[in-house]
């Protein structure tokens, strides 16, 4: 990664396969080594290659990098999650679920849930997405809509009695 941030061209170098994406998520979540979500032991876990999970040597519970995060119980590959995070963060005006589904090759429903979970991680103080994102510019909300000009009112005085009429009645325009 360069000082200017991650570019789309550098993405395949950083995440060439599923194992590289999983390792990146593990480094981001556990800088001191795998931490058991049950007993809290740090770096006392062994990797189970056949089922691709960690097992704590203290309490013998199995866990993964997604345990206790919005990615928990996901069936999507970590590489898809990494691509979705990049697409959402890199788009300056946001990205729709339809566009995300086209780019990732998943269904609309899957892309919608991905987008909502990633935005939830960005909204909270998630250690998984902290200190990783550089934002150049952002658009928060849309500019106010142009409203029709209110009809100007005029006071018409006839014979000492005043009445208020819309301006268009006075000019003869309909």
N, C-alpha and C. Protein backbone atom coordinates (compact mmCIF):
# COMPACT_ATOMS: atom_id res chain seq x y z
N UNK A 1 0.85 -1.17 0.00
CA UNK A 1 0.00 0.00 0.00
C UNK A 1 0.89 1.23 0.00
N UNK A 2 0.54 2.20 -0.77
CA UNK A 2 1.33 3.42 -0.88
C UNK A 2 0.79 4.49 0.07
N UNK A 3 1.47 5.63 0.07
CA UNK A 3 1.02 6.73 0.92
C UNK A 3 -0.27 7.35 0.40
N UNK A 4 -0.56 7.17 -0.88
CA UNK A 4 -1.76 7.78 -1.44
C UNK A 4 -3.00 6.92 -1.22
N UNK A 5 -2.86 5.73 -0.66
CA UNK A 5 -4.00 4.86 -0.43
C UNK A 5 -3.99 3.68 -1.38
N UNK A 6 -4.93 2.81 -1.20
CA UNK A 6 -5.05 1.61 -2.01
C UNK A 6 -5.76 1.93 -3.32
N UNK A 7 -5.13 1.55 -4.41
CA UNK A 7 -5.75 1.75 -5.72
C UNK A 7 -6.30 0.42 -6.21
N UNK A 8 -7.25 0.49 -7.10
CA UNK A 8 -7.88 -0.72 -7.63
C UNK A 8 -6.85 -1.62 -8.30
N UNK A 9 -5.86 -1.04 -8.93
CA UNK A 9 -4.83 -1.81 -9.61
C UNK A 9 -3.99 -2.63 -8.62
N UNK A 10 -3.81 -2.13 -7.39
CA UNK A 10 -3.00 -2.81 -6.38
C UNK A 10 -3.81 -3.83 -5.58
N UNK A 11 -5.11 -3.86 -5.76
CA UNK A 11 -5.96 -4.74 -4.98
C UNK A 11 -5.63 -6.22 -5.17
N UNK A 12 -5.46 -6.71 -6.42
CA UNK A 12 -5.12 -8.14 -6.58
C UNK A 12 -3.76 -8.51 -5.99
N UNK A 13 -2.84 -7.56 -5.90
CA UNK A 13 -1.54 -7.84 -5.27
C UNK A 13 -1.68 -8.02 -3.77
N UNK A 14 -2.56 -7.23 -3.17
CA UNK A 14 -2.77 -7.31 -1.73
C UNK A 14 -3.61 -8.53 -1.35
N UNK A 15 -4.59 -8.86 -2.18
CA UNK A 15 -5.48 -10.00 -1.93
C UNK A 15 -5.45 -10.96 -3.12
N UNK A 16 -4.39 -11.74 -3.30
CA UNK A 16 -4.35 -12.64 -4.45
C UNK A 16 -5.31 -13.84 -4.32
N UNK A 17 -5.59 -14.26 -3.09
CA UNK A 17 -6.47 -15.41 -2.90
C UNK A 17 -7.20 -15.29 -1.56
N UNK A 18 -7.97 -16.31 -1.26
CA UNK A 18 -8.79 -16.33 -0.05
C UNK A 18 -7.94 -16.33 1.22
N UNK A 19 -6.86 -17.07 1.22
CA UNK A 19 -6.00 -17.14 2.40
C UNK A 19 -5.35 -15.78 2.71
N UNK A 20 -4.98 -15.05 1.68
CA UNK A 20 -4.40 -13.72 1.88
C UNK A 20 -5.44 -12.76 2.46
N UNK A 21 -6.67 -12.85 1.99
CA UNK A 21 -7.74 -11.99 2.52
C UNK A 21 -8.02 -12.33 3.98
N UNK A 22 -8.08 -13.62 4.30
CA UNK A 22 -8.31 -14.04 5.70
C UNK A 22 -7.17 -13.56 6.58
N UNK A 23 -5.93 -13.70 6.11
CA UNK A 23 -4.78 -13.26 6.89
C UNK A 23 -4.81 -11.74 7.12
N UNK A 24 -5.25 -10.98 6.12
CA UNK A 24 -5.36 -9.53 6.28
C UNK A 24 -6.39 -9.17 7.35
N UNK A 25 -7.55 -9.83 7.30
CA UNK A 25 -8.58 -9.58 8.32
C UNK A 25 -8.07 -9.97 9.70
N UNK A 26 -7.30 -11.07 9.80
CA UNK A 26 -6.76 -11.48 11.10
C UNK A 26 -5.75 -10.48 11.63
N UNK A 27 -4.87 -9.97 10.76
CA UNK A 27 -3.91 -8.95 11.20
C UNK A 27 -4.61 -7.67 11.63
N UNK A 28 -5.68 -7.31 10.92
CA UNK A 28 -6.42 -6.09 11.27
C UNK A 28 -7.17 -6.24 12.59
N UNK A 29 -7.72 -7.42 12.83
CA UNK A 29 -8.53 -7.62 14.04
C UNK A 29 -7.67 -7.99 15.24
N UNK A 30 -6.67 -8.82 15.02
CA UNK A 30 -5.83 -9.31 16.12
C UNK A 30 -4.38 -8.96 15.87
N UNK A 31 -3.93 -7.75 16.17
CA UNK A 31 -2.53 -7.41 15.92
C UNK A 31 -1.56 -8.19 16.81
N UNK A 32 -2.02 -8.67 17.97
CA UNK A 32 -1.16 -9.43 18.89
C UNK A 32 -1.33 -10.93 18.74
N UNK A 33 -2.07 -11.38 17.76
CA UNK A 33 -2.32 -12.80 17.56
C UNK A 33 -3.79 -13.11 17.82
N UNK A 34 -4.23 -14.33 17.47
CA UNK A 34 -5.65 -14.69 17.64
C UNK A 34 -6.09 -14.58 19.09
N UNK A 35 -7.26 -13.97 19.28
CA UNK A 35 -7.82 -13.78 20.61
C UNK A 35 -9.13 -14.55 20.70
N UNK A 36 -9.24 -15.41 21.68
CA UNK A 36 -10.45 -16.21 21.85
C UNK A 36 -11.60 -15.31 22.31
N UNK A 37 -12.75 -15.34 21.62
CA UNK A 37 -13.86 -14.48 22.04
C UNK A 37 -14.56 -14.99 23.30
N UNK A 38 -14.30 -16.24 23.70
CA UNK A 38 -14.95 -16.81 24.89
C UNK A 38 -14.15 -16.52 26.15
N UNK A 39 -12.88 -16.93 26.18
CA UNK A 39 -12.08 -16.78 27.40
C UNK A 39 -11.13 -15.59 27.34
N UNK A 40 -10.89 -15.04 26.16
CA UNK A 40 -10.05 -13.86 26.03
C UNK A 40 -8.56 -14.14 25.96
N UNK A 41 -8.15 -15.39 25.86
CA UNK A 41 -6.72 -15.72 25.76
C UNK A 41 -6.16 -15.19 24.44
N UNK A 42 -5.00 -14.56 24.54
CA UNK A 42 -4.37 -13.98 23.37
C UNK A 42 -3.22 -14.87 22.92
N UNK A 43 -3.22 -15.21 21.65
CA UNK A 43 -2.16 -15.97 21.01
C UNK A 43 -1.99 -17.37 21.60
N UNK A 44 -3.06 -17.95 22.10
CA UNK A 44 -3.05 -19.33 22.58
C UNK A 44 -4.07 -20.13 21.79
N UNK A 45 -3.89 -20.17 20.48
CA UNK A 45 -4.82 -20.87 19.61
C UNK A 45 -4.04 -21.58 18.52
N UNK A 46 -4.61 -22.68 18.05
CA UNK A 46 -3.98 -23.39 16.95
C UNK A 46 -4.93 -23.40 15.76
N UNK A 47 -4.36 -23.37 14.55
CA UNK A 47 -5.13 -23.31 13.31
C UNK A 47 -5.52 -24.72 12.89
N UNK A 48 -6.81 -24.93 12.69
CA UNK A 48 -7.32 -26.21 12.20
C UNK A 48 -7.49 -26.10 10.69
N UNK A 49 -6.59 -26.73 9.93
CA UNK A 49 -6.58 -26.56 8.48
C UNK A 49 -7.79 -27.17 7.80
N UNK A 50 -8.29 -28.27 8.31
CA UNK A 50 -9.38 -28.96 7.61
C UNK A 50 -10.68 -28.17 7.64
N UNK A 51 -10.96 -27.51 8.76
CA UNK A 51 -12.21 -26.75 8.86
C UNK A 51 -11.97 -25.24 8.82
N UNK A 52 -10.71 -24.83 8.70
CA UNK A 52 -10.33 -23.43 8.54
C UNK A 52 -10.85 -22.55 9.68
N UNK A 53 -10.56 -22.97 10.89
CA UNK A 53 -10.93 -22.22 12.09
C UNK A 53 -9.80 -22.29 13.09
N UNK A 54 -9.86 -21.40 14.07
CA UNK A 54 -8.93 -21.42 15.18
C UNK A 54 -9.55 -22.20 16.33
N UNK A 55 -8.70 -22.86 17.13
CA UNK A 55 -9.18 -23.53 18.34
C UNK A 55 -8.34 -23.04 19.51
N UNK A 56 -9.00 -22.55 20.53
CA UNK A 56 -8.33 -22.04 21.71
C UNK A 56 -7.74 -23.22 22.49
N UNK A 57 -6.48 -23.10 22.90
CA UNK A 57 -5.86 -24.18 23.67
C UNK A 57 -6.25 -24.14 25.13
N UNK A 58 -6.82 -23.03 25.60
CA UNK A 58 -7.23 -22.92 27.00
C UNK A 58 -8.64 -23.48 27.22
N UNK A 59 -9.61 -23.04 26.41
CA UNK A 59 -11.01 -23.47 26.61
C UNK A 59 -11.48 -24.45 25.54
N UNK A 60 -10.67 -24.72 24.54
CA UNK A 60 -10.96 -25.67 23.45
C UNK A 60 -12.18 -25.28 22.62
N UNK A 61 -12.51 -24.00 22.59
CA UNK A 61 -13.59 -23.52 21.72
C UNK A 61 -13.02 -23.17 20.36
N UNK A 62 -13.83 -23.36 19.33
CA UNK A 62 -13.42 -23.00 17.98
C UNK A 62 -14.00 -21.64 17.62
N UNK A 63 -13.21 -20.85 16.90
CA UNK A 63 -13.66 -19.52 16.49
C UNK A 63 -12.96 -19.14 15.20
N UNK A 64 -13.49 -18.11 14.57
CA UNK A 64 -12.89 -17.60 13.33
C UNK A 64 -12.74 -16.09 13.46
N UNK A 65 -12.16 -15.49 12.44
CA UNK A 65 -11.93 -14.05 12.45
C UNK A 65 -13.25 -13.28 12.39
N UNK A 66 -14.30 -13.90 11.91
CA UNK A 66 -15.59 -13.22 11.78
C UNK A 66 -16.44 -13.31 13.05
N UNK A 67 -16.03 -14.10 14.04
CA UNK A 67 -16.82 -14.28 15.26
C UNK A 67 -16.99 -12.95 16.00
N UNK A 68 -18.22 -12.61 16.32
CA UNK A 68 -18.51 -11.39 17.06
C UNK A 68 -18.48 -10.12 16.23
N UNK A 69 -18.47 -10.23 14.93
CA UNK A 69 -18.47 -9.07 14.04
C UNK A 69 -19.73 -9.13 13.17
N UNK A 70 -20.04 -8.08 12.43
CA UNK A 70 -21.17 -8.17 11.50
C UNK A 70 -20.96 -9.21 10.40
N UNK A 71 -19.75 -9.71 10.25
CA UNK A 71 -19.49 -10.76 9.26
C UNK A 71 -19.73 -12.16 9.83
N UNK A 72 -20.17 -12.25 11.08
CA UNK A 72 -20.36 -13.54 11.73
C UNK A 72 -21.35 -14.42 10.97
N UNK A 73 -21.02 -15.69 10.87
CA UNK A 73 -21.83 -16.71 10.18
C UNK A 73 -22.03 -16.43 8.70
N UNK A 74 -21.08 -15.78 8.10
CA UNK A 74 -21.19 -15.51 6.67
C UNK A 74 -20.77 -16.74 5.87
N UNK A 75 -21.38 -16.92 4.74
CA UNK A 75 -21.00 -17.99 3.83
C UNK A 75 -20.20 -17.44 2.65
N UNK A 76 -20.02 -16.14 2.63
CA UNK A 76 -19.26 -15.52 1.55
C UNK A 76 -17.76 -15.62 1.84
N UNK A 77 -16.96 -15.73 0.81
CA UNK A 77 -15.51 -15.75 1.02
C UNK A 77 -15.02 -14.41 1.56
N UNK A 78 -13.92 -14.44 2.30
CA UNK A 78 -13.32 -13.22 2.83
C UNK A 78 -12.87 -12.29 1.71
N UNK A 79 -12.51 -12.86 0.58
CA UNK A 79 -12.11 -12.05 -0.57
C UNK A 79 -13.27 -11.20 -1.07
N UNK A 80 -14.48 -11.75 -1.07
CA UNK A 80 -15.67 -10.99 -1.47
C UNK A 80 -15.93 -9.86 -0.48
N UNK A 81 -15.75 -10.14 0.81
CA UNK A 81 -15.92 -9.10 1.82
C UNK A 81 -14.90 -7.98 1.61
N UNK A 82 -13.66 -8.35 1.34
CA UNK A 82 -12.62 -7.34 1.13
C UNK A 82 -12.93 -6.49 -0.10
N UNK A 83 -13.39 -7.12 -1.18
CA UNK A 83 -13.74 -6.38 -2.39
C UNK A 83 -14.91 -5.44 -2.13
N UNK A 84 -15.91 -5.92 -1.38
CA UNK A 84 -17.07 -5.08 -1.07
C UNK A 84 -16.67 -3.89 -0.20
N UNK A 85 -15.83 -4.11 0.78
CA UNK A 85 -15.37 -3.01 1.64
C UNK A 85 -14.64 -1.98 0.79
N UNK A 86 -13.77 -2.45 -0.11
CA UNK A 86 -13.03 -1.51 -0.95
C UNK A 86 -13.98 -0.71 -1.84
N UNK A 87 -14.94 -1.37 -2.47
CA UNK A 87 -15.86 -0.68 -3.38
C UNK A 87 -16.69 0.37 -2.64
N UNK A 88 -17.16 0.04 -1.45
CA UNK A 88 -18.00 0.98 -0.69
C UNK A 88 -17.18 2.16 -0.20
N UNK A 89 -15.98 1.90 0.28
CA UNK A 89 -15.14 2.97 0.81
C UNK A 89 -14.58 3.84 -0.30
N UNK A 90 -14.27 3.25 -1.45
CA UNK A 90 -13.65 3.99 -2.54
C UNK A 90 -14.64 4.86 -3.32
N UNK A 91 -15.92 4.54 -3.26
CA UNK A 91 -16.89 5.34 -4.01
C UNK A 91 -17.23 6.60 -3.22
N UNK A 92 -17.06 7.75 -3.85
CA UNK A 92 -17.22 9.02 -3.13
C UNK A 92 -18.67 9.34 -2.80
N UNK A 93 -19.60 8.93 -3.65
CA UNK A 93 -21.01 9.23 -3.41
C UNK A 93 -21.80 8.02 -2.94
N UNK A 94 -21.13 6.96 -2.59
CA UNK A 94 -21.81 5.74 -2.18
C UNK A 94 -22.04 4.84 -3.38
N UNK A 95 -22.47 3.63 -3.11
CA UNK A 95 -22.68 2.67 -4.17
C UNK A 95 -23.98 1.93 -3.88
N UNK A 96 -24.76 1.70 -4.90
CA UNK A 96 -26.04 1.03 -4.71
C UNK A 96 -25.83 -0.48 -4.63
N UNK A 97 -26.82 -1.16 -4.08
CA UNK A 97 -26.75 -2.62 -3.98
C UNK A 97 -26.77 -3.27 -5.35
N UNK A 98 -27.45 -2.65 -6.30
CA UNK A 98 -27.50 -3.19 -7.66
C UNK A 98 -26.10 -3.15 -8.28
N UNK A 99 -25.43 -2.01 -8.15
CA UNK A 99 -24.09 -1.86 -8.71
C UNK A 99 -23.10 -2.78 -7.99
N UNK A 100 -23.23 -2.89 -6.68
CA UNK A 100 -22.36 -3.77 -5.91
C UNK A 100 -22.55 -5.23 -6.30
N UNK A 101 -23.81 -5.62 -6.55
CA UNK A 101 -24.07 -7.00 -6.95
C UNK A 101 -23.49 -7.30 -8.33
N UNK A 102 -23.53 -6.32 -9.23
CA UNK A 102 -22.93 -6.51 -10.55
C UNK A 102 -21.41 -6.63 -10.46
N UNK A 103 -20.80 -5.82 -9.62
CA UNK A 103 -19.35 -5.82 -9.51
C UNK A 103 -18.81 -7.06 -8.81
N UNK A 104 -19.54 -7.58 -7.83
CA UNK A 104 -19.07 -8.73 -7.07
C UNK A 104 -19.57 -10.05 -7.61
N UNK A 105 -20.59 -10.02 -8.46
CA UNK A 105 -21.13 -11.26 -8.99
C UNK A 105 -21.98 -12.02 -7.99
N UNK A 106 -22.69 -11.28 -7.14
CA UNK A 106 -23.59 -11.89 -6.16
C UNK A 106 -25.00 -11.38 -6.42
N UNK A 107 -25.97 -11.94 -5.72
CA UNK A 107 -27.35 -11.51 -5.91
C UNK A 107 -27.57 -10.14 -5.27
N UNK A 108 -28.69 -9.52 -5.63
CA UNK A 108 -29.02 -8.20 -5.09
C UNK A 108 -29.18 -8.26 -3.57
N UNK A 109 -29.86 -9.30 -3.08
CA UNK A 109 -30.09 -9.42 -1.64
C UNK A 109 -28.77 -9.54 -0.88
N UNK A 110 -27.85 -10.34 -1.43
CA UNK A 110 -26.55 -10.50 -0.80
C UNK A 110 -25.80 -9.18 -0.78
N UNK A 111 -25.82 -8.45 -1.88
CA UNK A 111 -25.14 -7.16 -1.96
C UNK A 111 -25.77 -6.15 -1.00
N UNK A 112 -27.08 -6.20 -0.86
CA UNK A 112 -27.78 -5.29 0.05
C UNK A 112 -27.34 -5.55 1.48
N UNK A 113 -27.31 -6.83 1.88
CA UNK A 113 -26.88 -7.18 3.25
C UNK A 113 -25.41 -6.85 3.46
N UNK A 114 -24.58 -7.09 2.46
CA UNK A 114 -23.16 -6.72 2.55
C UNK A 114 -23.01 -5.22 2.81
N UNK A 115 -23.70 -4.42 2.00
CA UNK A 115 -23.61 -2.97 2.15
C UNK A 115 -24.04 -2.50 3.52
N UNK A 116 -25.14 -3.04 4.02
CA UNK A 116 -25.64 -2.62 5.33
C UNK A 116 -24.69 -3.04 6.45
N UNK A 117 -24.13 -4.23 6.35
CA UNK A 117 -23.21 -4.69 7.39
C UNK A 117 -21.91 -3.90 7.36
N UNK A 118 -21.42 -3.58 6.18
CA UNK A 118 -20.18 -2.81 6.09
C UNK A 118 -20.41 -1.39 6.60
N UNK A 119 -21.55 -0.80 6.26
CA UNK A 119 -21.85 0.54 6.77
C UNK A 119 -22.04 0.52 8.28
N UNK A 120 -22.57 -0.57 8.83
CA UNK A 120 -22.69 -0.70 10.29
C UNK A 120 -21.31 -0.77 10.93
N UNK A 121 -20.37 -1.48 10.29
CA UNK A 121 -19.00 -1.53 10.82
C UNK A 121 -18.34 -0.16 10.75
N UNK A 122 -18.64 0.61 9.71
CA UNK A 122 -18.06 1.94 9.58
C UNK A 122 -18.66 2.91 10.58
N UNK A 123 -19.91 2.71 10.95
CA UNK A 123 -20.59 3.62 11.87
C UNK A 123 -20.13 3.41 13.31
N UNK A 124 -19.87 2.17 13.69
CA UNK A 124 -19.44 1.91 15.06
C UNK A 124 -17.92 1.99 15.14
N UNK A 125 -17.43 1.96 16.36
CA UNK A 125 -15.98 1.98 16.55
C UNK A 125 -15.45 0.56 16.39
N UNK A 126 -15.43 0.11 15.16
CA UNK A 126 -15.02 -1.26 14.86
C UNK A 126 -13.50 -1.32 14.72
N UNK A 127 -12.85 -2.23 15.45
CA UNK A 127 -11.41 -2.34 15.29
C UNK A 127 -11.03 -2.90 13.92
N UNK A 128 -11.98 -3.53 13.25
CA UNK A 128 -11.70 -4.13 11.96
C UNK A 128 -11.51 -3.09 10.87
N UNK A 129 -12.21 -1.96 10.96
CA UNK A 129 -12.10 -0.93 9.93
C UNK A 129 -11.46 0.36 10.44
N UNK A 130 -10.89 0.35 11.61
CA UNK A 130 -10.28 1.57 12.11
C UNK A 130 -8.85 1.68 11.61
N UNK A 131 -8.39 2.89 11.38
CA UNK A 131 -7.04 3.21 10.93
C UNK A 131 -6.70 2.55 9.60
N UNK A 132 -7.69 2.25 8.79
CA UNK A 132 -7.42 1.60 7.52
C UNK A 132 -7.91 2.41 6.34
N UNK A 133 -8.71 3.43 6.59
CA UNK A 133 -9.41 4.09 5.51
C UNK A 133 -8.93 5.53 5.38
N UNK A 134 -8.70 5.97 4.15
CA UNK A 134 -8.36 7.35 3.88
C UNK A 134 -9.49 7.93 3.04
N UNK A 135 -10.08 9.02 3.51
CA UNK A 135 -11.20 9.61 2.80
C UNK A 135 -10.75 10.94 2.21
N UNK A 136 -10.95 11.10 0.91
CA UNK A 136 -10.57 12.33 0.24
C UNK A 136 -11.68 13.36 0.32
N UNK A 137 -12.88 12.97 -0.09
CA UNK A 137 -14.01 13.89 -0.09
C UNK A 137 -15.26 13.07 0.19
N UNK A 138 -16.25 13.74 0.70
CA UNK A 138 -17.47 13.03 1.03
C UNK A 138 -18.66 13.91 0.74
N UNK A 139 -19.77 13.29 0.46
CA UNK A 139 -21.03 13.98 0.25
C UNK A 139 -21.99 13.48 1.31
N UNK A 140 -22.35 14.34 2.23
CA UNK A 140 -23.26 13.96 3.30
C UNK A 140 -24.62 14.53 2.98
N UNK A 141 -25.49 13.71 2.48
CA UNK A 141 -26.83 14.16 2.13
C UNK A 141 -26.85 14.90 0.80
N UNK A 142 -28.00 15.17 0.35
CA UNK A 142 -28.16 15.87 -0.93
C UNK A 142 -28.35 17.36 -0.66
N UNK A 143 -28.05 18.19 -1.66
CA UNK A 143 -28.31 19.62 -1.47
C UNK A 143 -29.81 19.86 -1.37
N UNK A 144 -30.21 20.95 -0.74
CA UNK A 144 -31.65 21.19 -0.59
C UNK A 144 -32.31 21.34 -1.95
N UNK A 145 -33.51 20.84 -2.03
CA UNK A 145 -34.26 20.91 -3.29
C UNK A 145 -34.71 22.34 -3.56
N UNK A 146 -34.81 22.66 -4.82
CA UNK A 146 -35.32 23.98 -5.19
C UNK A 146 -36.82 23.97 -5.00
N UNK A 147 -37.27 24.91 -4.29
CA UNK A 147 -38.70 25.03 -4.02
C UNK A 147 -39.31 26.07 -4.95
N UNK A 148 -40.56 25.90 -5.26
CA UNK A 148 -41.25 26.90 -6.07
C UNK A 148 -41.37 28.18 -5.26
N UNK A 149 -41.24 29.29 -5.93
CA UNK A 149 -41.34 30.56 -5.23
C UNK A 149 -42.76 30.71 -4.69
N UNK A 150 -42.87 31.15 -3.47
CA UNK A 150 -44.23 31.35 -2.93
C UNK A 150 -44.94 32.46 -3.72
N UNK A 151 -46.21 32.30 -3.86
CA UNK A 151 -46.98 33.33 -4.59
C UNK A 151 -46.95 34.62 -3.81
N UNK A 152 -46.64 35.68 -4.50
CA UNK A 152 -46.61 36.98 -3.85
C UNK A 152 -48.04 37.46 -3.66
N UNK A 153 -48.25 38.04 -2.54
CA UNK A 153 -49.58 38.53 -2.22
C UNK A 153 -49.58 40.06 -2.32
N UNK A 154 -50.71 40.62 -2.68
CA UNK A 154 -50.85 42.07 -2.76
C UNK A 154 -52.11 42.47 -2.01
N UNK A 155 -52.08 43.62 -1.48
CA UNK A 155 -53.23 44.13 -0.76
C UNK A 155 -54.00 45.05 -1.70
N UNK A 156 -55.25 44.74 -1.89
CA UNK A 156 -56.10 45.51 -2.78
C UNK A 156 -57.08 46.27 -1.90
N UNK A 157 -57.05 47.57 -2.02
CA UNK A 157 -57.94 48.40 -1.22
C UNK A 157 -58.97 49.02 -2.13
N UNK A 158 -60.26 48.77 -1.85
CA UNK A 158 -61.36 49.35 -2.61
C UNK A 158 -62.40 49.87 -1.62
N UNK A 159 -62.59 51.08 -1.67
CA UNK A 159 -63.63 51.67 -0.82
C UNK A 159 -63.35 51.51 0.65
N UNK A 160 -62.06 51.53 1.04
CA UNK A 160 -61.72 51.43 2.44
C UNK A 160 -61.70 50.01 2.96
N UNK A 161 -62.04 49.02 2.14
CA UNK A 161 -62.02 47.62 2.57
C UNK A 161 -60.83 46.96 1.90
N UNK A 162 -59.97 46.36 2.70
CA UNK A 162 -58.79 45.70 2.14
C UNK A 162 -59.01 44.21 2.02
N UNK A 163 -58.49 43.66 0.96
CA UNK A 163 -58.52 42.20 0.82
C UNK A 163 -57.20 41.77 0.19
N UNK A 164 -56.80 40.57 0.49
CA UNK A 164 -55.54 40.07 -0.02
C UNK A 164 -55.83 39.07 -1.13
N UNK A 165 -55.20 39.29 -2.26
CA UNK A 165 -55.38 38.42 -3.42
C UNK A 165 -54.01 37.94 -3.89
N UNK A 166 -53.97 36.78 -4.49
CA UNK A 166 -52.71 36.36 -5.08
C UNK A 166 -52.28 37.33 -6.17
N UNK A 167 -50.99 37.47 -6.36
CA UNK A 167 -50.44 38.43 -7.30
C UNK A 167 -50.91 38.17 -8.72
N UNK A 168 -51.06 36.92 -9.09
CA UNK A 168 -51.45 36.62 -10.47
C UNK A 168 -52.85 37.12 -10.81
N UNK A 169 -53.69 37.28 -9.79
CA UNK A 169 -55.04 37.81 -10.05
C UNK A 169 -54.98 39.28 -10.38
N UNK A 170 -54.01 39.99 -9.80
CA UNK A 170 -53.89 41.41 -10.02
C UNK A 170 -53.29 41.73 -11.39
N UNK A 171 -52.41 40.86 -11.87
CA UNK A 171 -51.75 41.12 -13.15
C UNK A 171 -52.54 40.58 -14.32
N UNK A 172 -53.50 39.72 -14.05
CA UNK A 172 -54.30 39.17 -15.11
C UNK A 172 -53.73 37.89 -15.69
N UNK A 173 -52.63 37.37 -15.12
CA UNK A 173 -52.08 36.10 -15.59
C UNK A 173 -52.74 34.96 -14.85
N UNK A 174 -52.95 33.86 -15.57
CA UNK A 174 -53.66 32.76 -14.94
C UNK A 174 -52.76 31.62 -14.60
